[in-house]
Amino acid sequence: MDLLHSAWIPVTELGRKVPQRISLRQLLCEDKRYQFCLPRDDMEMAAMQLILCLVQVMCIPENFSVWRQRGREPLSEEEYQRLSAPFAGMFDLQHPDHPFMQTKGVKASEITDMDKLLTGLSGSTNCAFVNEPGQAEALCPGCTAIVLFNQANNAPGFGGGFKSGLRGGAPVTTLLYAEHIRTTLWFNILTEETLNAEYAVDWKNGLNQPPVWIEPIKSGESIPAEKIGLLRGLFWQPAHIELLPPLGEGLCTLCGQPHAQRFSGFYKEKFNFTVEGMWLHPHSPRLFSIKKGIVEQKFLAFTTAAPSWRQLSRVIVKQQVAQKIEGQSPAMVVSQAIKLFTDNSRWMLMLGGYRNNQASIIERRHDVFNLSPEILRNPLRVDYIVKIGLEYKKALGDALFLFYKGLKSKDIKTKGTRLPLHEVMEPLFYSHSESAILDALSGYLVQDEDRLEELLRTQLDTLCRKLFNQATDPYLHHPAITVIAALTRRKLGQDLNHLQPQKGIVDEAIH
């Protein structure tokens, strides 16, 4: 099964419900609108990433003019054949010598089930709630390629000494999102102009560097990150994996479509190597900090239960490191979009990733955000809206913490309840405030900036008061609690009143 020529992509045509498989050539050369047809959002995003990486190394637009044209018009059959010819045999899942994302001759005494490749299906705290039974029993070649790619690039290693990908164990991936696959794809393809500006190394020569399944990493090797080429880095495989011979004809247990071959297990073995430095992956935001005078950087990851909108400023806003200040840099695909989409069109941003505890998956995150044209013109608006949400969360949390701890001052001394309601209500604030935050980011309800801010603050003010009452009312029958409840309610009211909008504050804050 060759990813460049075989029909392996599980899709449905927009407006129709009949599942089918199409080839990459069909996707790029036919003027049809397809959507992925997979039962999990993370697998659909992984399929999008895999296709994106294939096209990124195969078909890089020279400039923004060519980039726009390819987004509007399908490739010709002749052009596709010309672009794919240099990569013949490189992305073949069952190649006799160098199969895609695998190592031939893996030495292992035990067979590993395919559920270890389907991230979060086993060994996770939420697996019983997000997966259908038997999803990984027998996968078609297309779904197998998708889960191989996802495990290597987006998920923690297998544990027990197995390495994770170049971005760490659970990186956040950020891509622009459109209604169908082909438009989404071209939105996220980097041009030569962008690559020349973003990469300090000669990325063009890096396209000739073979992927790791053709030129394997040597055991114990120390690899400078800047020596990893674009193709090799996008298709990095940190583990030695070899699929078992396929089963016969039947239904794929992931996409549900029939296929002549299905894979039910694999062999894996650990090996050691070191990557020195950070490889600049184009699909992930980076964070910077200064420790002991040295700038350290890492890729953004979901490390808490806080919702994805809290990370949006890190995803869109670029900030430089200065003295002791932390900095951040959006993914290259997002930076390019901010430069190119200068009209009044709306755009959508897709965030995906996992929250993990070592090799175990705690949570899956895959969200799509509608963003207003004003955010493209001034990305600091994202930072401002997110900060508003966090200010109201803090006001509610501070009041409930005093309800827990008590008040002690010159005039007042009241014992707390020792009820940790601030911890209980934080996730409720996040879940109940999300729609208001997303409406503000999209700008759908109100176009005027001052009116938009006023509406957002009013909604969050009402929510904080409601959640405070919801948390404390069940305990007001106790006389000792009545006093602390009244005092902390007043404290909350004062803090919320200070957060009411002031005329002109939006322009002052974001300029």
Protein backbone atom coordinates (compact mmCIF):
# COMPACT_ATOMS: atom_id res chain seq x y z
CA MET A 1 0.00 0.00 0.00
CA ASP A 2 1.73 3.14 -1.30
CA LEU A 3 0.55 6.36 0.35
CA LEU A 4 1.24 8.35 -2.82
CA HIS A 5 -0.77 6.17 -5.21
CA SER A 6 -3.06 3.72 -3.39
CA ALA A 7 -6.62 4.48 -2.27
CA TRP A 8 -6.13 4.59 1.51
CA ILE A 9 -7.73 7.82 2.83
CA PRO A 10 -11.10 7.08 4.57
CA VAL A 11 -13.55 9.82 3.57
CA THR A 12 -17.08 10.75 2.71
CA GLU A 13 -17.96 13.34 0.09
CA LEU A 14 -19.41 16.49 1.65
CA GLY A 15 -23.19 16.18 1.83
CA ARG A 16 -23.13 12.41 1.38
CA LYS A 17 -22.91 9.64 3.95
CA VAL A 18 -21.38 6.83 1.88
CA PRO A 19 -17.84 6.03 3.16
CA GLN A 20 -15.10 5.39 0.64
CA ARG A 21 -11.33 5.39 0.28
CA ILE A 22 -9.56 7.77 -2.05
CA SER A 23 -5.95 8.23 -3.07
CA LEU A 24 -3.80 11.29 -2.46
CA ARG A 25 -3.89 11.87 -6.21
CA GLN A 26 -7.69 11.98 -6.17
CA LEU A 27 -7.68 14.37 -3.24
CA LEU A 28 -5.31 16.80 -4.95
CA CYS A 29 -6.43 16.44 -8.56
CA GLU A 30 -10.22 16.20 -8.30
CA ASP A 31 -12.41 19.20 -7.60
CA LYS A 32 -14.45 17.43 -4.92
CA ARG A 33 -15.02 18.22 -1.27
CA TYR A 34 -14.19 15.39 1.11
CA GLN A 35 -14.34 14.96 4.87
CA PHE A 36 -12.60 12.28 6.91
CA CYS A 37 -14.66 9.30 7.97
CA LEU A 38 -13.07 8.04 11.19
CA PRO A 39 -14.72 7.48 14.60
CA ARG A 40 -12.23 9.59 16.59
CA ASP A 41 -11.32 13.26 16.19
CA ASP A 42 -7.66 12.63 17.04
CA MET A 43 -7.39 10.02 14.31
CA GLU A 44 -8.93 12.45 11.81
CA MET A 45 -6.42 15.10 12.82
CA ALA A 46 -3.60 12.55 12.54
CA ALA A 47 -4.80 11.66 9.03
CA MET A 48 -4.78 15.37 8.17
CA GLN A 49 -1.24 15.75 9.52
CA LEU A 50 -0.01 12.71 7.61
CA ILE A 51 -1.43 14.01 4.32
CA LEU A 52 -0.12 17.49 5.10
CA CYS A 53 3.41 16.19 5.69
CA LEU A 54 3.32 14.17 2.46
CA VAL A 55 2.28 17.18 0.40
CA GLN A 56 4.62 19.53 2.28
CA VAL A 57 7.73 17.63 1.18
CA MET A 58 6.37 16.72 -2.25
CA CYS A 59 4.79 19.96 -3.41
CA ILE A 60 6.19 23.18 -1.86
CA PRO A 61 4.79 26.34 -3.51
CA GLU A 62 7.48 28.75 -4.64
CA ASN A 63 5.66 31.82 -3.35
CA PHE A 64 2.34 33.03 -1.97
CA SER A 65 0.87 33.52 -5.45
CA VAL A 66 1.41 29.85 -6.33
CA TRP A 67 0.15 28.89 -2.86
CA ARG A 68 -3.15 30.70 -3.45
CA GLN A 69 -3.56 29.21 -6.91
CA ARG A 70 -3.09 25.66 -5.65
CA GLY A 71 -5.61 26.30 -2.93
CA ARG A 72 -8.17 27.36 -5.56
CA GLU A 73 -7.49 24.88 -8.35
CA PRO A 74 -6.77 21.12 -8.27
CA LEU A 75 -3.43 19.85 -9.57
CA SER A 76 -3.31 18.29 -13.01
CA GLU A 77 -2.65 14.55 -13.30
CA GLU A 78 0.63 15.28 -15.08
CA GLU A 79 1.81 17.65 -12.36
CA TYR A 80 0.97 15.15 -9.63
CA GLN A 81 2.96 12.44 -11.39
CA ARG A 82 5.92 14.81 -11.77
CA LEU A 83 5.84 15.89 -8.12
CA SER A 84 5.45 12.38 -6.71
CA ALA A 85 8.05 10.69 -8.94
CA PRO A 86 11.13 11.56 -6.76
CA PHE A 87 9.50 9.78 -3.80
CA ALA A 88 8.67 6.51 -5.53
CA GLY A 89 8.64 3.60 -3.07
CA MET A 90 9.46 5.83 -0.07
CA PHE A 91 6.00 5.73 1.54
CA ASP A 92 5.00 2.11 0.97
CA LEU A 93 3.56 0.44 4.08
CA GLN A 94 4.52 -3.03 2.83
CA HIS A 95 7.76 -2.32 0.99
CA PRO A 96 9.96 -5.46 1.08
CA ASP A 97 13.06 -3.56 2.23
CA HIS A 98 11.98 -0.34 3.91
CA PRO A 99 8.26 -0.29 4.86
CA PHE A 100 6.73 3.03 5.92
CA MET A 101 7.47 3.98 9.57
CA GLN A 102 8.92 0.52 10.31
CA THR A 103 12.22 -1.29 10.83
CA LYS A 104 12.77 -4.67 9.22
CA GLY A 105 13.96 -7.52 11.43
CA VAL A 106 12.72 -6.28 14.82
CA LYS A 107 13.72 -8.75 17.55
CA ALA A 108 10.89 -9.24 20.05
CA SER A 109 9.67 -12.27 21.95
CA GLU A 110 6.09 -11.03 22.27
CA ILE A 111 3.50 -9.70 19.85
CA THR A 112 2.04 -6.28 20.74
CA ASP A 113 -1.63 -5.69 19.97
CA MET A 114 -2.62 -2.82 17.68
CA ASP A 115 -4.36 -1.02 20.54
CA LYS A 116 -0.91 0.21 21.65
CA LEU A 117 -0.74 2.20 18.41
CA LEU A 118 -4.26 3.60 18.77
CA THR A 119 -3.35 6.24 21.33
CA GLY A 120 -5.53 6.30 24.44
CA LEU A 121 -7.26 3.02 23.69
CA SER A 122 -5.44 1.19 26.46
CA GLY A 123 -3.47 2.32 29.48
CA SER A 124 -5.48 5.53 29.82
CA THR A 125 -7.82 6.81 32.49
CA ASN A 126 -10.58 7.70 30.05
CA CYS A 127 -10.33 4.88 27.52
CA ALA A 128 -13.65 3.29 28.50
CA PHE A 129 -15.53 6.51 27.78
CA VAL A 130 -14.19 7.54 24.37
CA ASN A 131 -13.67 4.36 22.35
CA GLU A 132 -15.92 1.73 20.86
CA PRO A 133 -15.06 -1.86 21.87
CA GLY A 134 -12.69 -3.67 19.52
CA GLN A 135 -11.53 -0.60 17.60
CA ALA A 136 -7.97 -1.92 17.18
CA GLU A 137 -8.58 -5.61 16.47
CA ALA A 138 -7.79 -5.48 12.74
CA LEU A 139 -6.89 -2.29 10.87
CA CYS A 140 -6.80 -1.72 7.12
CA PRO A 141 -3.49 -0.47 5.64
CA GLY A 142 -4.68 3.15 5.52
CA CYS A 143 -5.74 3.27 9.16
CA THR A 144 -2.55 1.40 10.09
CA ALA A 145 -0.44 4.10 8.43
CA ILE A 146 -2.40 6.79 10.29
CA VAL A 147 -1.96 5.21 13.74
CA LEU A 148 1.74 4.50 13.09
CA PHE A 149 2.29 8.16 12.20
CA ASN A 150 0.23 9.43 15.15
CA GLN A 151 1.98 7.25 17.72
CA ALA A 152 5.41 8.31 16.48
CA ASN A 153 4.75 12.05 16.26
CA ASN A 154 1.90 13.03 18.60
CA ALA A 155 1.87 10.58 21.50
CA PRO A 156 4.13 9.48 24.35
CA GLY A 157 6.49 6.60 23.70
CA PHE A 158 5.55 3.08 24.74
CA GLY A 159 7.25 3.58 28.12
CA GLY A 160 9.98 1.48 29.65
CA GLY A 161 12.80 3.20 27.81
CA PHE A 162 11.08 3.82 24.48
CA LYS A 163 11.68 7.30 23.08
CA SER A 164 8.98 9.86 22.24
CA GLY A 165 8.94 12.02 19.10
CA LEU A 166 10.91 15.16 18.30
CA ARG A 167 8.31 17.38 20.01
CA GLY A 168 8.21 15.40 23.26
CA GLY A 169 5.62 13.06 24.67
CA ALA A 170 2.38 14.97 24.10
CA PRO A 171 2.78 18.12 21.97
CA VAL A 172 -0.03 20.46 20.95
CA THR A 173 -0.57 20.59 17.20
CA THR A 174 -2.13 23.71 15.69
CA LEU A 175 -3.51 23.80 12.15
CA LEU A 176 -5.83 26.05 10.23
CA TYR A 177 -9.15 24.36 9.60
CA ALA A 178 -11.58 24.50 6.69
CA GLU A 179 -14.81 22.77 5.75
CA HIS A 180 -13.15 20.06 3.68
CA ILE A 181 -9.78 18.33 3.43
CA ARG A 182 -8.21 19.88 0.33
CA THR A 183 -8.72 23.48 1.49
CA THR A 184 -7.51 22.61 4.99
CA LEU A 185 -4.45 21.01 3.44
CA TRP A 186 -3.39 24.02 1.38
CA PHE A 187 -4.09 26.45 4.22
CA ASN A 188 -1.31 24.65 6.13
CA ILE A 189 1.29 24.13 3.41
CA LEU A 190 4.33 26.34 3.96
CA THR A 191 5.74 28.21 0.98
CA GLU A 192 9.42 28.47 0.09
CA GLU A 193 9.30 32.09 1.26
CA THR A 194 8.10 31.04 4.73
CA LEU A 195 10.60 28.20 5.00
CA ASN A 196 13.45 30.49 3.97
CA ALA A 197 12.45 32.97 6.66
CA GLU A 198 11.84 30.46 9.46
CA TYR A 199 14.64 27.92 9.02
CA ALA A 200 18.24 28.94 9.64
CA VAL A 201 19.48 25.72 8.02
CA ASP A 202 19.33 24.75 4.35
CA TRP A 203 15.93 23.05 4.32
CA LYS A 204 16.07 22.30 0.59
CA ASN A 205 19.00 19.93 0.99
CA GLY A 206 17.11 18.35 3.88
CA LEU A 207 14.48 17.14 1.41
CA ASN A 208 17.08 14.72 0.05
CA GLN A 209 17.77 13.22 3.48
CA PRO A 210 16.01 9.83 3.64
CA PRO A 211 13.46 9.09 6.37
CA VAL A 212 14.51 6.91 9.30
CA TRP A 213 13.01 3.71 7.86
CA ILE A 214 15.32 4.02 4.84
CA GLU A 215 18.37 5.43 6.64
CA PRO A 216 17.91 4.16 10.23
CA ILE A 217 19.06 5.93 13.36
CA LYS A 218 22.10 4.18 14.76
CA SER A 219 21.89 2.75 18.26
CA GLY A 220 23.58 5.15 20.70
CA GLU A 221 23.80 7.89 18.07
CA SER A 222 23.87 11.55 19.14
CA ILE A 223 22.05 13.65 16.53
CA PRO A 224 22.21 17.48 16.33
CA ALA A 225 18.66 18.71 15.74
CA GLU A 226 19.81 21.09 13.00
CA LYS A 227 21.11 18.11 11.03
CA ILE A 228 17.62 16.62 10.75
CA GLY A 229 16.11 17.53 7.39
CA LEU A 230 12.54 18.61 6.75
CA LEU A 231 11.37 15.26 5.36
CA ARG A 232 13.19 13.23 7.99
CA GLY A 233 11.83 15.38 10.83
CA LEU A 234 8.21 15.45 9.66
CA PHE A 235 8.21 11.64 9.45
CA TRP A 236 10.35 10.92 12.51
CA GLN A 237 9.96 7.44 13.99
CA PRO A 238 11.66 7.06 17.40
CA ALA A 239 10.79 3.37 17.86
CA HIS A 240 11.66 0.12 16.12
CA ILE A 241 8.32 -1.31 14.95
CA GLU A 242 7.52 -4.08 12.49
CA LEU A 243 3.97 -5.06 11.56
CA LEU A 244 2.91 -8.69 11.55
CA PRO A 245 1.90 -10.21 8.21
CA PRO A 246 -1.64 -9.04 7.44
CA LEU A 247 -4.84 -10.98 7.98
CA GLY A 248 -7.22 -11.71 5.12
CA GLU A 249 -10.26 -9.84 3.88
CA GLY A 250 -12.71 -8.28 6.31
CA LEU A 251 -13.93 -5.02 7.83
CA CYS A 252 -11.44 -2.55 9.30
CA THR A 253 -12.40 -2.14 12.95
CA LEU A 254 -11.45 1.56 12.89
CA CYS A 255 -12.89 3.05 9.70
CA GLY A 256 -15.43 0.23 9.23
CA GLN A 257 -14.72 -0.26 5.51
CA PRO A 258 -13.88 -3.63 3.91
CA HIS A 259 -10.34 -4.37 2.78
CA ALA A 260 -8.42 -7.33 1.41
CA GLN A 261 -5.75 -7.01 4.12
CA ARG A 262 -5.86 -6.03 7.80
CA PHE A 263 -3.18 -5.72 10.49
CA SER A 264 -3.69 -7.12 13.98
CA GLY A 265 -0.35 -6.70 15.75
CA PHE A 266 3.31 -5.76 15.59
CA TYR A 267 6.73 -6.32 17.09
CA LYS A 268 8.59 -3.55 18.90
CA GLU A 269 12.02 -3.17 20.47
CA LYS A 270 13.71 -0.30 22.27
CA PHE A 271 16.96 1.30 21.24
CA ASN A 272 18.80 4.32 22.54
CA PHE A 273 19.78 7.55 20.82
CA THR A 274 19.93 11.27 21.67
CA VAL A 275 18.72 14.36 19.81
CA GLU A 276 20.69 17.46 20.78
CA GLY A 277 18.67 20.68 20.68
CA MET A 278 15.17 21.32 19.34
CA TRP A 279 13.96 20.52 15.85
CA LEU A 280 11.71 23.33 14.60
CA HIS A 281 8.51 21.49 13.86
CA PRO A 282 6.21 23.67 11.71
CA HIS A 283 2.92 22.56 13.32
CA SER A 284 3.54 23.32 17.02
CA PRO A 285 3.89 26.50 19.11
CA ARG A 286 7.07 26.90 21.17
CA LEU A 287 7.55 28.35 24.66
CA PHE A 288 10.71 30.11 25.84
CA SER A 289 12.07 30.88 29.28
CA ILE A 290 15.36 32.06 30.73
CA LYS A 291 16.98 29.96 33.44
CA LYS A 292 20.37 30.94 34.82
CA GLY A 293 20.91 33.23 31.87
CA ILE A 294 20.23 30.50 29.31
CA VAL A 295 17.21 30.53 27.00
CA GLU A 296 15.34 27.25 27.20
CA GLN A 297 12.58 26.27 24.81
CA LYS A 298 9.97 23.54 24.60
CA PHE A 299 6.86 22.75 22.62
CA LEU A 300 3.46 23.65 24.04
CA ALA A 301 1.65 20.76 25.75
CA PHE A 302 -1.61 20.30 27.64
CA THR A 303 -0.41 19.92 31.24
CA THR A 304 -3.59 20.76 33.20
CA ALA A 305 -7.34 20.22 32.95
CA ALA A 306 -7.84 23.87 31.90
CA PRO A 307 -9.68 24.17 28.56
CA SER A 308 -7.93 24.77 25.26
CA TRP A 309 -9.06 28.41 24.98
CA ARG A 310 -6.75 29.24 27.87
CA GLN A 311 -3.81 28.32 25.59
CA LEU A 312 -4.94 30.41 22.62
CA SER A 313 -2.73 33.41 23.33
CA ARG A 314 0.27 31.07 23.36
CA VAL A 315 -0.87 29.64 20.05
CA ILE A 316 -1.34 32.96 18.21
CA VAL A 317 0.58 35.75 19.95
CA LYS A 318 4.33 35.99 19.41
CA GLN A 319 6.32 37.36 22.35
CA GLN A 320 10.07 37.79 22.56
CA VAL A 321 12.19 36.65 25.49
CA ALA A 322 13.66 39.63 27.33
CA GLN A 323 15.56 39.43 30.61
CA LYS A 324 13.39 37.25 32.90
CA ILE A 325 10.25 37.39 30.79
CA GLU A 326 8.93 34.22 29.23
CA GLY A 327 8.28 34.17 25.49
CA GLN A 328 6.36 32.20 22.92
CA SER A 329 6.27 31.63 19.18
CA PRO A 330 3.27 30.37 17.17
CA ALA A 331 3.58 27.40 14.85
CA MET A 332 4.91 28.34 11.41
CA VAL A 333 1.57 27.52 9.78
CA VAL A 334 -0.18 30.01 12.08
CA SER A 335 2.46 32.71 11.58
CA GLN A 336 2.12 32.32 7.83
CA ALA A 337 -1.66 32.58 8.03
CA ILE A 338 -1.50 35.79 10.04
CA LYS A 339 0.68 37.31 7.30
CA LEU A 340 -1.44 36.07 4.40
CA PHE A 341 -5.05 36.36 5.52
CA THR A 342 -5.31 40.14 5.60
CA ASP A 343 -8.89 40.53 4.36
CA ASN A 344 -12.13 40.32 6.35
CA SER A 345 -12.52 36.56 6.02
CA ARG A 346 -13.01 34.49 9.13
CA TRP A 347 -10.77 31.54 9.83
CA MET A 348 -10.80 28.54 12.08
CA LEU A 349 -7.97 27.14 14.16
CA MET A 350 -7.70 23.49 15.15
CA LEU A 351 -5.85 22.49 18.35
CA GLY A 352 -5.13 18.86 19.08
CA GLY A 353 -3.11 16.81 21.50
CA TYR A 354 -3.09 14.58 24.54
CA ARG A 355 -2.58 15.19 28.25
CA ASN A 356 -0.41 12.44 29.62
CA ASN A 357 1.22 11.04 32.72
CA GLN A 358 4.37 9.51 31.27
CA ALA A 359 3.17 6.80 28.84
CA SER A 360 -0.45 6.91 30.07
CA ILE A 361 -3.02 9.16 28.40
CA ILE A 362 -5.12 11.19 30.85
CA GLU A 363 -7.15 13.17 28.35
CA ARG A 364 -7.67 13.77 24.63
CA ARG A 365 -8.07 17.32 23.33
CA HIS A 366 -9.15 18.24 19.81
CA ASP A 367 -10.94 21.57 19.45
CA VAL A 368 -11.81 23.96 16.62
CA PHE A 369 -12.04 27.72 17.25
CA ASN A 370 -13.75 30.32 15.05
CA LEU A 371 -11.65 33.47 15.07
CA SER A 372 -12.76 36.90 13.93
CA PRO A 373 -10.95 38.98 11.26
CA GLU A 374 -9.95 41.47 13.97
CA ILE A 375 -7.81 38.79 15.60
CA LEU A 376 -5.82 38.37 12.39
CA ARG A 377 -5.27 42.10 12.21
CA ASN A 378 -4.31 42.26 15.86
CA PRO A 379 -3.49 38.88 17.48
CA LEU A 380 -3.16 40.57 20.88
CA ARG A 381 -6.96 40.59 20.99
CA VAL A 382 -6.77 36.87 21.76
CA ASP A 383 -4.49 37.54 24.70
CA TYR A 384 -6.83 40.25 25.96
CA ILE A 385 -10.00 38.11 25.76
CA VAL A 386 -8.30 35.15 27.42
CA LYS A 387 -7.07 37.41 30.24
CA ILE A 388 -10.62 38.65 30.83
CA GLY A 389 -11.76 35.07 31.32
CA LEU A 390 -8.92 34.35 33.72
CA GLU A 391 -9.61 37.50 35.75
CA TYR A 392 -13.16 36.36 36.42
CA LYS A 393 -12.01 32.85 37.25
CA LYS A 394 -9.59 34.34 39.77
CA ALA A 395 -12.28 36.51 41.36
CA LEU A 396 -14.51 33.48 41.90
CA GLY A 397 -11.61 31.34 43.10
CA ASP A 398 -10.39 33.99 45.56
CA ALA A 399 -13.82 34.34 47.13
CA LEU A 400 -14.32 30.61 47.51
CA PHE A 401 -10.80 30.20 48.89
CA LEU A 402 -11.60 32.72 51.63
CA PHE A 403 -14.80 30.76 52.28
CA TYR A 404 -12.49 27.77 52.79
CA LYS A 405 -9.70 29.47 54.75
CA GLY A 406 -11.47 32.30 56.60
CA LEU A 407 -10.81 36.03 57.01
CA LYS A 408 -8.32 37.61 59.35
CA SER A 409 -7.73 41.36 59.53
CA LYS A 410 -7.73 44.21 62.05
CA ASP A 411 -11.51 44.48 61.93
CA ILE A 412 -12.62 40.94 61.07
CA LYS A 413 -11.61 37.49 62.18
CA THR A 414 -13.78 34.64 60.94
CA LYS A 415 -12.95 30.96 60.65
CA GLY A 416 -13.18 29.27 57.31
CA THR A 417 -15.37 26.31 56.49
CA ARG A 418 -12.48 24.04 55.35
CA LEU A 419 -14.65 23.14 52.38
CA PRO A 420 -12.44 23.18 49.21
CA LEU A 421 -15.19 24.59 47.02
CA HIS A 422 -12.66 26.66 45.04
CA GLU A 423 -11.26 23.40 43.64
CA VAL A 424 -14.71 22.03 42.86
CA MET A 425 -15.96 25.13 41.06
CA GLU A 426 -12.91 25.82 38.87
CA PRO A 427 -13.75 23.15 36.25
CA LEU A 428 -17.39 24.27 36.38
CA PHE A 429 -16.34 27.84 35.65
CA TYR A 430 -14.31 26.66 32.67
CA SER A 431 -17.10 24.55 31.23
CA HIS A 432 -19.85 27.15 31.77
CA SER A 433 -17.76 30.10 30.51
CA GLU A 434 -16.50 28.44 27.33
CA SER A 435 -19.39 29.49 25.10
CA ALA A 436 -19.04 33.15 26.15
CA ILE A 437 -15.28 33.11 25.51
CA LEU A 438 -15.70 31.44 22.12
CA ASP A 439 -18.41 33.92 21.10
CA ALA A 440 -16.06 36.78 21.97
CA LEU A 441 -13.21 35.23 19.98
CA SER A 442 -15.42 34.72 16.94
CA GLY A 443 -17.08 38.13 17.15
CA TYR A 444 -20.29 36.65 15.74
CA LEU A 445 -22.70 38.19 18.24
CA VAL A 446 -21.33 41.75 18.32
CA GLN A 447 -19.03 43.48 15.85
CA ASP A 448 -18.32 46.58 17.97
CA GLU A 449 -15.28 45.91 20.19
CA ASP A 450 -16.48 47.85 23.23
CA ARG A 451 -19.92 46.25 23.05
CA LEU A 452 -18.34 42.81 22.65
CA GLU A 453 -16.27 43.31 25.78
CA GLU A 454 -19.25 44.61 27.74
CA LEU A 455 -21.30 41.56 26.76
CA LEU A 456 -18.49 39.16 27.70
CA ARG A 457 -17.92 40.77 31.10
CA THR A 458 -21.65 40.81 31.84
CA GLN A 459 -21.94 37.11 31.05
CA LEU A 460 -18.92 36.20 33.19
CA ASP A 461 -20.09 38.43 36.05
CA THR A 462 -23.46 36.66 36.10
CA LEU A 463 -21.78 33.27 35.91
CA CYS A 464 -19.43 33.95 38.84
CA ARG A 465 -22.28 35.06 41.10
CA LYS A 466 -24.36 32.05 40.07
CA LEU A 467 -21.54 29.57 40.71
CA PHE A 468 -20.70 31.16 44.07
CA ASN A 469 -24.31 30.81 45.20
CA GLN A 470 -24.50 27.29 43.81
CA ALA A 471 -21.42 26.33 45.83
CA THR A 472 -22.30 28.02 49.13
CA ASP A 473 -26.10 27.87 49.40
CA PRO A 474 -26.25 24.22 50.59
CA TYR A 475 -24.33 25.22 53.75
CA LEU A 476 -26.21 28.38 54.75
CA HIS A 477 -28.48 26.51 57.14
CA HIS A 478 -25.52 26.39 59.53
CA PRO A 479 -25.37 29.65 61.58
CA ALA A 480 -21.56 29.61 61.78
CA ILE A 481 -21.29 29.60 58.01
CA THR A 482 -23.75 32.43 57.37
CA VAL A 483 -21.26 35.12 58.39
CA ILE A 484 -18.32 33.87 56.30
CA ALA A 485 -20.69 33.38 53.34
CA ALA A 486 -21.90 36.98 53.56
CA LEU A 487 -18.37 38.36 53.87
CA THR A 488 -16.99 36.36 50.96
CA ARG A 489 -20.01 37.18 48.80
CA ARG A 490 -19.32 40.85 49.43
CA LYS A 491 -15.66 40.28 48.56
CA LEU A 492 -16.70 38.64 45.29
CA GLY A 493 -19.07 41.51 44.48
CA GLN A 494 -16.33 44.09 45.05
CA ASP A 495 -13.85 42.23 42.85
CA LEU A 496 -16.44 41.75 40.10
CA ASN A 497 -17.37 45.42 40.16
CA HIS A 498 -13.71 46.30 39.61
CA LEU A 499 -13.75 44.10 36.50
CA GLN A 500 -16.59 45.99 34.82
CA PRO A 501 -15.59 47.48 31.41
CA GLN A 502 -14.23 50.96 31.16
CA LYS A 503 -14.60 52.98 27.97
CA GLY A 504 -11.61 52.69 25.68
CA ILE A 505 -9.96 49.94 27.69
CA VAL A 506 -9.83 47.56 24.71
CA ASP A 507 -7.74 49.85 22.52
CA GLU A 508 -5.46 50.74 25.42
CA ALA A 509 -4.88 47.10 26.35
CA ILE A 510 -4.13 45.68 22.92
CA HIS A 511 -2.15 48.48 21.32
